[in-house]
All heavy atoms as atom14 arrays in JSON, in Angstrom:
{
  "sequence": "TGPVTAGPAVALFAGISVIGAGLAAVAGVDADGVRARERAVGVAVVV",
  "atom14_mask": [
    [1, 1, 1, 1, 1, 1, 1, 0, 0, 0, 0, 0, 0, 0],
    [1, 1, 1, 1, 0, 0, 0, 0, 0, 0, 0, 0, 0, 0],
    [1, 1, 1, 1, 1, 1, 1, 0, 0, 0, 0, 0, 0, 0],
    [1, 1, 1, 1, 1, 1, 1, 0, 0, 0, 0, 0, 0, 0],
    [1, 1, 1, 1, 1, 1, 1, 0, 0, 0, 0, 0, 0, 0],
    [1, 1, 1, 1, 1, 0, 0, 0, 0, 0, 0, 0, 0, 0],
    [1, 1, 1, 1, 0, 0, 0, 0, 0, 0, 0, 0, 0, 0],
    [1, 1, 1, 1, 1, 1, 1, 0, 0, 0, 0, 0, 0, 0],
    [1, 1, 1, 1, 1, 0, 0, 0, 0, 0, 0, 0, 0, 0],
    [1, 1, 1, 1, 1, 1, 1, 0, 0, 0, 0, 0, 0, 0],
    [1, 1, 1, 1, 1, 0, 0, 0, 0, 0, 0, 0, 0, 0],
    [1, 1, 1, 1, 1, 1, 1, 1, 0, 0, 0, 0, 0, 0],
    [1, 1, 1, 1, 1, 1, 1, 1, 1, 1, 1, 0, 0, 0],
    [1, 1, 1, 1, 1, 0, 0, 0, 0, 0, 0, 0, 0, 0],
    [1, 1, 1, 1, 0, 0, 0, 0, 0, 0, 0, 0, 0, 0],
    [1, 1, 1, 1, 1, 1, 1, 1, 0, 0, 0, 0, 0, 0],
    [1, 1, 1, 1, 1, 1, 0, 0, 0, 0, 0, 0, 0, 0],
    [1, 1, 1, 1, 1, 1, 1, 0, 0, 0, 0, 0, 0, 0],
    [1, 1, 1, 1, 1, 1, 1, 1, 0, 0, 0, 0, 0, 0],
    [1, 1, 1, 1, 0, 0, 0, 0, 0, 0, 0, 0, 0, 0],
    [1, 1, 1, 1, 1, 0, 0, 0, 0, 0, 0, 0, 0, 0],
    [1, 1, 1, 1, 0, 0, 0, 0, 0, 0, 0, 0, 0, 0],
    [1, 1, 1, 1, 1, 1, 1, 1, 0, 0, 0, 0, 0, 0],
    [1, 1, 1, 1, 1, 0, 0, 0, 0, 0, 0, 0, 0, 0],
    [1, 1, 1, 1, 1, 0, 0, 0, 0, 0, 0, 0, 0, 0],
    [1, 1, 1, 1, 1, 1, 1, 0, 0, 0, 0, 0, 0, 0],
    [1, 1, 1, 1, 1, 0, 0, 0, 0, 0, 0, 0, 0, 0],
    [1, 1, 1, 1, 0, 0, 0, 0, 0, 0, 0, 0, 0, 0],
    [1, 1, 1, 1, 1, 1, 1, 0, 0, 0, 0, 0, 0, 0],
    [1, 1, 1, 1, 1, 1, 1, 1, 0, 0, 0, 0, 0, 0],
    [1, 1, 1, 1, 1, 0, 0, 0, 0, 0, 0, 0, 0, 0],
    [1, 1, 1, 1, 1, 1, 1, 1, 0, 0, 0, 0, 0, 0],
    [1, 1, 1, 1, 0, 0, 0, 0, 0, 0, 0, 0, 0, 0],
    [1, 1, 1, 1, 1, 1, 1, 0, 0, 0, 0, 0, 0, 0],
    [1, 1, 1, 1, 1, 1, 1, 1, 1, 1, 1, 0, 0, 0],
    [1, 1, 1, 1, 1, 0, 0, 0, 0, 0, 0, 0, 0, 0],
    [1, 1, 1, 1, 1, 1, 1, 1, 1, 1, 1, 0, 0, 0],
    [1, 1, 1, 1, 1, 1, 1, 1, 1, 0, 0, 0, 0, 0],
    [1, 1, 1, 1, 1, 1, 1, 1, 1, 1, 1, 0, 0, 0],
    [1, 1, 1, 1, 1, 0, 0, 0, 0, 0, 0, 0, 0, 0],
    [1, 1, 1, 1, 1, 1, 1, 0, 0, 0, 0, 0, 0, 0],
    [1, 1, 1, 1, 0, 0, 0, 0, 0, 0, 0, 0, 0, 0],
    [1, 1, 1, 1, 1, 1, 1, 0, 0, 0, 0, 0, 0, 0],
    [1, 1, 1, 1, 1, 0, 0, 0, 0, 0, 0, 0, 0, 0],
    [1, 1, 1, 1, 1, 1, 1, 0, 0, 0, 0, 0, 0, 0],
    [1, 1, 1, 1, 1, 1, 1, 0, 0, 0, 0, 0, 0, 0],
    [1, 1, 1, 1, 1, 1, 1, 0, 0, 0, 0, 0, 0, 0]
  ],
  "atom14_positions": [
    [[2.94, -25.5, 1.3], [4.26, -26.13, 1.3], [4.81, -26.21, -0.1], [5.99, -26.46, -0.25], [4.12, -27.58, 1.89], [3.18, -28.25, 1.08], [3.73, -27.56, 3.29], [0.0, 0.0, 0.0], [0.0, 0.0, 0.0], [0.0, 0.0, 0.0], [0.0, 0.0, 0.0], [0.0, 0.0, 0.0], [0.0, 0.0, 0.0], [0.0, 0.0, 0.0]],
    [[4.02, -25.9, -1.09], [4.51, -25.87, -2.49], [4.55, -24.42, -2.99], [4.67, -23.47, -2.21], [0.0, 0.0, 0.0], [0.0, 0.0, 0.0], [0.0, 0.0, 0.0], [0.0, 0.0, 0.0], [0.0, 0.0, 0.0], [0.0, 0.0, 0.0], [0.0, 0.0, 0.0], [0.0, 0.0, 0.0], [0.0, 0.0, 0.0], [0.0, 0.0, 0.0]],
    [[4.56, -24.29, -4.28], [4.6, -22.94, -4.91], [3.41, -22.08, -4.41], [2.37, -22.49, -4.16], [4.47, -23.26, -6.45], [4.91, -24.65, -6.58], [4.48, -25.35, -5.34], [0.0, 0.0, 0.0], [0.0, 0.0, 0.0], [0.0, 0.0, 0.0], [0.0, 0.0, 0.0], [0.0, 0.0, 0.0], [0.0, 0.0, 0.0], [0.0, 0.0, 0.0]],
    [[3.73, -20.84, -4.21], [2.71, -19.89, -3.77], [1.71, -19.66, -4.86], [1.97, -19.61, -6.05], [3.38, -18.55, -3.33], [3.98, -17.87, -4.58], [2.41, -17.63, -2.75], [0.0, 0.0, 0.0], [0.0, 0.0, 0.0], [0.0, 0.0, 0.0], [0.0, 0.0, 0.0], [0.0, 0.0, 0.0], [0.0, 0.0, 0.0], [0.0, 0.0, 0.0]],
    [[0.46, -19.58, -4.44], [-0.65, -19.22, -5.4], [-0.96, -17.79, -5.33], [-0.68, -17.09, -4.32], [-1.91, -20.02, -5.01], [-2.27, -19.83, -3.66], [-1.68, -21.53, -5.23], [0.0, 0.0, 0.0], [0.0, 0.0, 0.0], [0.0, 0.0, 0.0], [0.0, 0.0, 0.0], [0.0, 0.0, 0.0], [0.0, 0.0, 0.0], [0.0, 0.0, 0.0]],
    [[-1.56, -17.23, -6.42], [-1.74, -15.79, -6.5], [-2.72, -15.23, -5.54], [-2.5, -14.14, -5.07], [-2.22, -15.52, -8.02], [0.0, 0.0, 0.0], [0.0, 0.0, 0.0], [0.0, 0.0, 0.0], [0.0, 0.0, 0.0], [0.0, 0.0, 0.0], [0.0, 0.0, 0.0], [0.0, 0.0, 0.0], [0.0, 0.0, 0.0], [0.0, 0.0, 0.0]],
    [[-3.75, -15.97, -5.27], [-4.81, -15.41, -4.41], [-4.32, -14.84, -3.09], [-4.42, -13.63, -2.86], [0.0, 0.0, 0.0], [0.0, 0.0, 0.0], [0.0, 0.0, 0.0], [0.0, 0.0, 0.0], [0.0, 0.0, 0.0], [0.0, 0.0, 0.0], [0.0, 0.0, 0.0], [0.0, 0.0, 0.0], [0.0, 0.0, 0.0], [0.0, 0.0, 0.0]],
    [[-3.73, -15.67, -2.23], [-3.26, -15.15, -0.87], [-2.2, -14.08, -1.04], [-2.15, -13.13, -0.23], [-2.73, -16.39, -0.21], [-3.43, -17.53, -0.91], [-3.55, -17.11, -2.32], [0.0, 0.0, 0.0], [0.0, 0.0, 0.0], [0.0, 0.0, 0.0], [0.0, 0.0, 0.0], [0.0, 0.0, 0.0], [0.0, 0.0, 0.0], [0.0, 0.0, 0.0]],
    [[-1.25, -14.23, -1.97], [-0.19, -13.26, -2.14], [-0.71, -11.89, -2.55], [-0.31, -10.86, -1.91], [0.8, -13.77, -3.23], [0.0, 0.0, 0.0], [0.0, 0.0, 0.0], [0.0, 0.0, 0.0], [0.0, 0.0, 0.0], [0.0, 0.0, 0.0], [0.0, 0.0, 0.0], [0.0, 0.0, 0.0], [0.0, 0.0, 0.0], [0.0, 0.0, 0.0]],
    [[-1.62, -11.86, -3.49], [-2.26, -10.59, -3.88], [-3.07, -10.01, -2.73], [-3.02, -8.79, -2.53], [-3.06, -10.69, -5.15], [-3.79, -9.39, -5.53], [-2.19, -11.16, -6.35], [0.0, 0.0, 0.0], [0.0, 0.0, 0.0], [0.0, 0.0, 0.0], [0.0, 0.0, 0.0], [0.0, 0.0, 0.0], [0.0, 0.0, 0.0], [0.0, 0.0, 0.0]],
    [[-3.78, -10.88, -2.09], [-4.64, -10.38, -0.98], [-3.84, -9.84, 0.18], [-4.18, -8.8, 0.81], [-5.52, -11.59, -0.47], [0.0, 0.0, 0.0], [0.0, 0.0, 0.0], [0.0, 0.0, 0.0], [0.0, 0.0, 0.0], [0.0, 0.0, 0.0], [0.0, 0.0, 0.0], [0.0, 0.0, 0.0], [0.0, 0.0, 0.0], [0.0, 0.0, 0.0]],
    [[-2.67, -10.46, 0.49], [-1.76, -9.88, 1.49], [-1.25, -8.5, 1.11], [-1.31, -7.57, 1.93], [-0.57, -10.85, 1.7], [0.44, -10.37, 2.76], [-0.16, -10.25, 4.14], [1.63, -11.34, 2.77], [0.0, 0.0, 0.0], [0.0, 0.0, 0.0], [0.0, 0.0, 0.0], [0.0, 0.0, 0.0], [0.0, 0.0, 0.0], [0.0, 0.0, 0.0]],
    [[-0.81, -8.35, -0.08], [-0.38, -7.06, -0.59], [-1.46, -6.0, -0.52], [-1.31, -4.9, -0.07], [0.22, -7.17, -2.0], [0.59, -5.85, -2.57], [1.82, -5.19, -2.23], [-0.31, -5.21, -3.44], [2.09, -3.96, -2.81], [0.1, -4.01, -4.04], [1.19, -3.37, -3.71], [0.0, 0.0, 0.0], [0.0, 0.0, 0.0], [0.0, 0.0, 0.0]],
    [[-2.72, -6.46, -0.98], [-3.78, -5.49, -1.03], [-4.23, -5.1, 0.44], [-4.58, -4.03, 0.74], [-5.05, -6.18, -1.71], [0.0, 0.0, 0.0], [0.0, 0.0, 0.0], [0.0, 0.0, 0.0], [0.0, 0.0, 0.0], [0.0, 0.0, 0.0], [0.0, 0.0, 0.0], [0.0, 0.0, 0.0], [0.0, 0.0, 0.0], [0.0, 0.0, 0.0]],
    [[-4.19, -6.11, 1.41], [-4.57, -5.85, 2.77], [-3.63, -4.78, 3.42], [-4.09, -3.87, 4.12], [0.0, 0.0, 0.0], [0.0, 0.0, 0.0], [0.0, 0.0, 0.0], [0.0, 0.0, 0.0], [0.0, 0.0, 0.0], [0.0, 0.0, 0.0], [0.0, 0.0, 0.0], [0.0, 0.0, 0.0], [0.0, 0.0, 0.0], [0.0, 0.0, 0.0]],
    [[-2.39, -4.96, 3.16], [-1.37, -4.03, 3.7], [-1.61, -2.63, 3.09], [-1.52, -1.63, 3.81], [0.06, -4.47, 3.44], [0.36, -5.77, 4.22], [1.13, -3.47, 3.8], [1.7, -6.43, 3.88], [0.0, 0.0, 0.0], [0.0, 0.0, 0.0], [0.0, 0.0, 0.0], [0.0, 0.0, 0.0], [0.0, 0.0, 0.0], [0.0, 0.0, 0.0]],
    [[-1.88, -2.6, 1.81], [-2.2, -1.27, 1.13], [-3.46, -0.7, 1.74], [-3.5, 0.53, 1.88], [-2.34, -1.56, -0.38], [-1.16, -2.06, -0.89], [0.0, 0.0, 0.0], [0.0, 0.0, 0.0], [0.0, 0.0, 0.0], [0.0, 0.0, 0.0], [0.0, 0.0, 0.0], [0.0, 0.0, 0.0], [0.0, 0.0, 0.0], [0.0, 0.0, 0.0]],
    [[-4.45, -1.39, 2.01], [-5.73, -0.98, 2.57], [-5.39, -0.29, 4.01], [-5.93, 0.74, 4.29], [-6.76, -2.11, 2.76], [-7.89, -1.59, 3.64], [-7.27, -2.52, 1.46], [0.0, 0.0, 0.0], [0.0, 0.0, 0.0], [0.0, 0.0, 0.0], [0.0, 0.0, 0.0], [0.0, 0.0, 0.0], [0.0, 0.0, 0.0], [0.0, 0.0, 0.0]],
    [[-4.51, -0.99, 4.74], [-4.16, -0.4, 6.07], [-3.54, 0.94, 5.88], [-3.87, 1.95, 6.61], [-3.22, -1.33, 6.84], [-3.88, -2.62, 7.16], [-2.66, -0.67, 8.09], [-3.01, -3.72, 7.72], [0.0, 0.0, 0.0], [0.0, 0.0, 0.0], [0.0, 0.0, 0.0], [0.0, 0.0, 0.0], [0.0, 0.0, 0.0], [0.0, 0.0, 0.0]],
    [[-2.6, 1.04, 4.93], [-1.98, 2.36, 4.64], [-2.95, 3.37, 4.25], [-2.93, 4.59, 4.82], [0.0, 0.0, 0.0], [0.0, 0.0, 0.0], [0.0, 0.0, 0.0], [0.0, 0.0, 0.0], [0.0, 0.0, 0.0], [0.0, 0.0, 0.0], [0.0, 0.0, 0.0], [0.0, 0.0, 0.0], [0.0, 0.0, 0.0], [0.0, 0.0, 0.0]],
    [[-3.83, 3.08, 3.22], [-4.78, 4.08, 2.86], [-5.72, 4.4, 3.95], [-6.15, 5.61, 4.12], [-5.5, 3.55, 1.63], [0.0, 0.0, 0.0], [0.0, 0.0, 0.0], [0.0, 0.0, 0.0], [0.0, 0.0, 0.0], [0.0, 0.0, 0.0], [0.0, 0.0, 0.0], [0.0, 0.0, 0.0], [0.0, 0.0, 0.0], [0.0, 0.0, 0.0]],
    [[-6.15, 3.41, 4.68], [-7.11, 3.61, 5.79], [-6.59, 4.52, 6.92], [-7.27, 5.43, 7.41], [0.0, 0.0, 0.0], [0.0, 0.0, 0.0], [0.0, 0.0, 0.0], [0.0, 0.0, 0.0], [0.0, 0.0, 0.0], [0.0, 0.0, 0.0], [0.0, 0.0, 0.0], [0.0, 0.0, 0.0], [0.0, 0.0, 0.0], [0.0, 0.0, 0.0]],
    [[-5.29, 4.33, 7.22], [-4.66, 5.23, 8.26], [-4.62, 6.66, 7.74], [-4.81, 7.55, 8.54], [-3.31, 4.67, 8.6], [-3.3, 3.3, 9.34], [-1.85, 2.84, 9.52], [-3.95, 3.48, 10.79], [0.0, 0.0, 0.0], [0.0, 0.0, 0.0], [0.0, 0.0, 0.0], [0.0, 0.0, 0.0], [0.0, 0.0, 0.0], [0.0, 0.0, 0.0]],
    [[-4.38, 6.83, 6.45], [-4.31, 8.16, 5.94], [-5.73, 8.75, 6.03], [-5.88, 9.99, 6.26], [-3.84, 8.17, 4.45], [0.0, 0.0, 0.0], [0.0, 0.0, 0.0], [0.0, 0.0, 0.0], [0.0, 0.0, 0.0], [0.0, 0.0, 0.0], [0.0, 0.0, 0.0], [0.0, 0.0, 0.0], [0.0, 0.0, 0.0], [0.0, 0.0, 0.0]],
    [[-6.71, 8.0, 5.71], [-8.12, 8.5, 5.78], [-8.5, 8.81, 7.16], [-9.18, 9.88, 7.38], [-9.04, 7.4, 5.18], [0.0, 0.0, 0.0], [0.0, 0.0, 0.0], [0.0, 0.0, 0.0], [0.0, 0.0, 0.0], [0.0, 0.0, 0.0], [0.0, 0.0, 0.0], [0.0, 0.0, 0.0], [0.0, 0.0, 0.0], [0.0, 0.0, 0.0]],
    [[-8.16, 7.99, 8.11], [-8.48, 8.27, 9.52], [-7.81, 9.57, 9.97], [-8.36, 10.39, 10.74], [-8.06, 7.06, 10.43], [-8.21, 7.39, 11.89], [-8.96, 5.88, 10.06], [0.0, 0.0, 0.0], [0.0, 0.0, 0.0], [0.0, 0.0, 0.0], [0.0, 0.0, 0.0], [0.0, 0.0, 0.0], [0.0, 0.0, 0.0], [0.0, 0.0, 0.0]],
    [[-6.57, 9.73, 9.56], [-5.81, 10.91, 9.93], [-6.2, 12.16, 9.17], [-5.74, 13.24, 9.52], [-4.28, 10.66, 9.78], [0.0, 0.0, 0.0], [0.0, 0.0, 0.0], [0.0, 0.0, 0.0], [0.0, 0.0, 0.0], [0.0, 0.0, 0.0], [0.0, 0.0, 0.0], [0.0, 0.0, 0.0], [0.0, 0.0, 0.0], [0.0, 0.0, 0.0]],
    [[-7.03, 12.06, 8.17], [-7.54, 13.2, 7.45], [-6.43, 13.71, 6.46], [-6.47, 14.93, 6.17], [0.0, 0.0, 0.0], [0.0, 0.0, 0.0], [0.0, 0.0, 0.0], [0.0, 0.0, 0.0], [0.0, 0.0, 0.0], [0.0, 0.0, 0.0], [0.0, 0.0, 0.0], [0.0, 0.0, 0.0], [0.0, 0.0, 0.0], [0.0, 0.0, 0.0]],
    [[-5.57, 12.93, 5.98], [-4.47, 13.35, 4.99], [-5.21, 13.65, 3.73], [-6.01, 12.91, 3.21], [-3.5, 12.27, 4.83], [-2.43, 12.72, 3.79], [-2.8, 11.88, 6.08], [0.0, 0.0, 0.0], [0.0, 0.0, 0.0], [0.0, 0.0, 0.0], [0.0, 0.0, 0.0], [0.0, 0.0, 0.0], [0.0, 0.0, 0.0], [0.0, 0.0, 0.0]],
    [[-4.93, 14.78, 3.2], [-5.61, 15.34, 1.95], [-4.96, 14.63, 0.76], [-4.0, 13.84, 0.83], [-5.53, 16.84, 1.85], [-4.14, 17.42, 1.68], [-3.25, 16.59, 1.38], [-3.96, 18.61, 1.89], [0.0, 0.0, 0.0], [0.0, 0.0, 0.0], [0.0, 0.0, 0.0], [0.0, 0.0, 0.0], [0.0, 0.0, 0.0], [0.0, 0.0, 0.0]],
    [[-5.6, 14.9, -0.45], [-5.16, 14.2, -1.69], [-3.64, 14.46, -1.95], [-2.96, 13.59, -2.34], [-6.04, 14.74, -2.84], [0.0, 0.0, 0.0], [0.0, 0.0, 0.0], [0.0, 0.0, 0.0], [0.0, 0.0, 0.0], [0.0, 0.0, 0.0], [0.0, 0.0, 0.0], [0.0, 0.0, 0.0], [0.0, 0.0, 0.0], [0.0, 0.0, 0.0]],
    [[-3.18, 15.7, -1.75], [-1.82, 16.04, -2.06], [-0.88, 15.2, -1.1], [0.17, 14.7, -1.52], [-1.51, 17.46, -1.89], [-2.14, 18.33, -2.93], [-2.43, 17.79, -4.07], [-2.32, 19.54, -2.74], [0.0, 0.0, 0.0], [0.0, 0.0, 0.0], [0.0, 0.0, 0.0], [0.0, 0.0, 0.0], [0.0, 0.0, 0.0], [0.0, 0.0, 0.0]],
    [[-1.3, 15.12, 0.1], [-0.43, 14.33, 1.07], [-0.42, 12.82, 0.72], [0.64, 12.23, 0.79], [0.0, 0.0, 0.0], [0.0, 0.0, 0.0], [0.0, 0.0, 0.0], [0.0, 0.0, 0.0], [0.0, 0.0, 0.0], [0.0, 0.0, 0.0], [0.0, 0.0, 0.0], [0.0, 0.0, 0.0], [0.0, 0.0, 0.0], [0.0, 0.0, 0.0]],
    [[-1.6, 12.28, 0.3], [-1.63, 10.85, -0.03], [-0.82, 10.61, -1.34], [-0.08, 9.63, -1.43], [-3.09, 10.37, -0.23], [-3.1, 8.93, -0.73], [-3.89, 10.53, 1.03], [0.0, 0.0, 0.0], [0.0, 0.0, 0.0], [0.0, 0.0, 0.0], [0.0, 0.0, 0.0], [0.0, 0.0, 0.0], [0.0, 0.0, 0.0], [0.0, 0.0, 0.0]],
    [[-0.94, 11.51, -2.29], [-0.12, 11.37, -3.53], [1.37, 11.45, -3.22], [2.15, 10.73, -3.86], [-0.6, 12.38, -4.57], [-1.97, 12.2, -5.12], [-2.2, 13.05, -6.32], [-3.6, 12.79, -6.83], [-4.62, 13.64, -6.61], [-4.47, 14.74, -5.78], [-5.78, 13.35, -7.09], [0.0, 0.0, 0.0], [0.0, 0.0, 0.0], [0.0, 0.0, 0.0]],
    [[1.7, 12.31, -2.3], [3.12, 12.46, -1.93], [3.59, 11.13, -1.28], [4.76, 10.72, -1.57], [3.32, 13.57, -0.96], [0.0, 0.0, 0.0], [0.0, 0.0, 0.0], [0.0, 0.0, 0.0], [0.0, 0.0, 0.0], [0.0, 0.0, 0.0], [0.0, 0.0, 0.0], [0.0, 0.0, 0.0], [0.0, 0.0, 0.0], [0.0, 0.0, 0.0]],
    [[2.78, 10.48, -0.53], [3.12, 9.22, 0.06], [3.24, 8.16, -1.02], [4.18, 7.32, -0.99], [2.14, 8.81, 1.1], [2.07, 9.68, 2.36], [1.04, 9.14, 3.39], [1.15, 9.96, 4.67], [0.57, 9.66, 5.73], [-0.23, 8.57, 5.84], [0.7, 10.43, 6.82], [0.0, 0.0, 0.0], [0.0, 0.0, 0.0], [0.0, 0.0, 0.0]],
    [[2.36, 8.11, -1.96], [2.48, 7.15, -3.03], [3.73, 7.36, -3.78], [4.47, 6.34, -4.15], [1.29, 7.31, -3.96], [-0.1, 6.95, -3.29], [-1.3, 7.34, -4.17], [-1.17, 8.25, -5.05], [-2.34, 6.7, -3.99], [0.0, 0.0, 0.0], [0.0, 0.0, 0.0], [0.0, 0.0, 0.0], [0.0, 0.0, 0.0], [0.0, 0.0, 0.0]],
    [[4.09, 8.57, -4.14], [5.33, 8.8, -4.88], [6.54, 8.36, -4.06], [7.47, 7.76, -4.62], [5.37, 10.3, -5.24], [4.45, 10.71, -6.38], [4.83, 12.08, -6.91], [4.72, 13.09, -5.85], [3.65, 13.84, -5.59], [2.51, 13.62, -6.36], [3.56, 14.74, -4.66], [0.0, 0.0, 0.0], [0.0, 0.0, 0.0], [0.0, 0.0, 0.0]],
    [[6.5, 8.7, -2.78], [7.66, 8.4, -1.93], [7.89, 6.85, -1.8], [9.06, 6.43, -1.94], [7.47, 9.04, -0.51], [0.0, 0.0, 0.0], [0.0, 0.0, 0.0], [0.0, 0.0, 0.0], [0.0, 0.0, 0.0], [0.0, 0.0, 0.0], [0.0, 0.0, 0.0], [0.0, 0.0, 0.0], [0.0, 0.0, 0.0], [0.0, 0.0, 0.0]],
    [[6.78, 6.14, -1.62], [6.9, 4.72, -1.58], [7.39, 4.13, -2.86], [8.26, 3.24, -2.94], [5.57, 4.06, -1.2], [5.64, 2.53, -1.25], [5.22, 4.46, 0.26], [0.0, 0.0, 0.0], [0.0, 0.0, 0.0], [0.0, 0.0, 0.0], [0.0, 0.0, 0.0], [0.0, 0.0, 0.0], [0.0, 0.0, 0.0], [0.0, 0.0, 0.0]],
    [[6.84, 4.69, -3.98], [7.29, 4.14, -5.31], [8.75, 4.41, -5.55], [9.5, 3.54, -6.0], [0.0, 0.0, 0.0], [0.0, 0.0, 0.0], [0.0, 0.0, 0.0], [0.0, 0.0, 0.0], [0.0, 0.0, 0.0], [0.0, 0.0, 0.0], [0.0, 0.0, 0.0], [0.0, 0.0, 0.0], [0.0, 0.0, 0.0], [0.0, 0.0, 0.0]],
    [[9.18, 5.56, -5.15], [10.68, 5.97, -5.33], [11.51, 5.04, -4.44], [12.54, 4.46, -4.83], [10.88, 7.41, -4.99], [12.42, 7.65, -4.91], [10.3, 8.31, -6.04], [0.0, 0.0, 0.0], [0.0, 0.0, 0.0], [0.0, 0.0, 0.0], [0.0, 0.0, 0.0], [0.0, 0.0, 0.0], [0.0, 0.0, 0.0], [0.0, 0.0, 0.0]],
    [[11.05, 4.81, -3.17], [11.79, 4.01, -2.31], [11.97, 2.54, -2.79], [13.02, 1.96, -2.7], [11.12, 3.94, -0.87], [0.0, 0.0, 0.0], [0.0, 0.0, 0.0], [0.0, 0.0, 0.0], [0.0, 0.0, 0.0], [0.0, 0.0, 0.0], [0.0, 0.0, 0.0], [0.0, 0.0, 0.0], [0.0, 0.0, 0.0], [0.0, 0.0, 0.0]],
    [[10.87, 2.03, -3.32], [10.91, 0.6, -3.95], [11.83, 0.59, -5.12], [12.64, -0.36, -5.21], [9.43, 0.22, -4.22], [9.5, -1.12, -5.03], [8.61, 0.04, -3.0], [0.0, 0.0, 0.0], [0.0, 0.0, 0.0], [0.0, 0.0, 0.0], [0.0, 0.0, 0.0], [0.0, 0.0, 0.0], [0.0, 0.0, 0.0], [0.0, 0.0, 0.0]],
    [[11.67, 1.57, -5.99], [12.48, 1.55, -7.21], [14.01, 1.7, -6.84], [14.84, 0.94, -7.41], [12.05, 2.68, -8.17], [13.04, 2.84, -9.35], [10.7, 2.32, -8.76], [0.0, 0.0, 0.0], [0.0, 0.0, 0.0], [0.0, 0.0, 0.0], [0.0, 0.0, 0.0], [0.0, 0.0, 0.0], [0.0, 0.0, 0.0], [0.0, 0.0, 0.0]],
    [[14.31, 2.59, -5.94], [15.71, 2.78, -5.54], [16.23, 1.51, -4.94], [17.37, 1.1, -5.22], [15.8, 3.98, -4.56], [17.15, 4.01, -3.94], [15.53, 5.3, -5.31], [0.0, 0.0, 0.0], [0.0, 0.0, 0.0], [0.0, 0.0, 0.0], [0.0, 0.0, 0.0], [0.0, 0.0, 0.0], [0.0, 0.0, 0.0], [0.0, 0.0, 0.0]]
  ]
}
């Protein structure tokens, strides 16, 4: 109910990132494909 603490906020972001990386691993996306996704997400966020 008060200010957010770092632990849960960072853990939520990390958990979502784990899901993304895990789905890529399950699908067999290679290194180039994963790096392309990382760049695309980074560009989308910055834009």
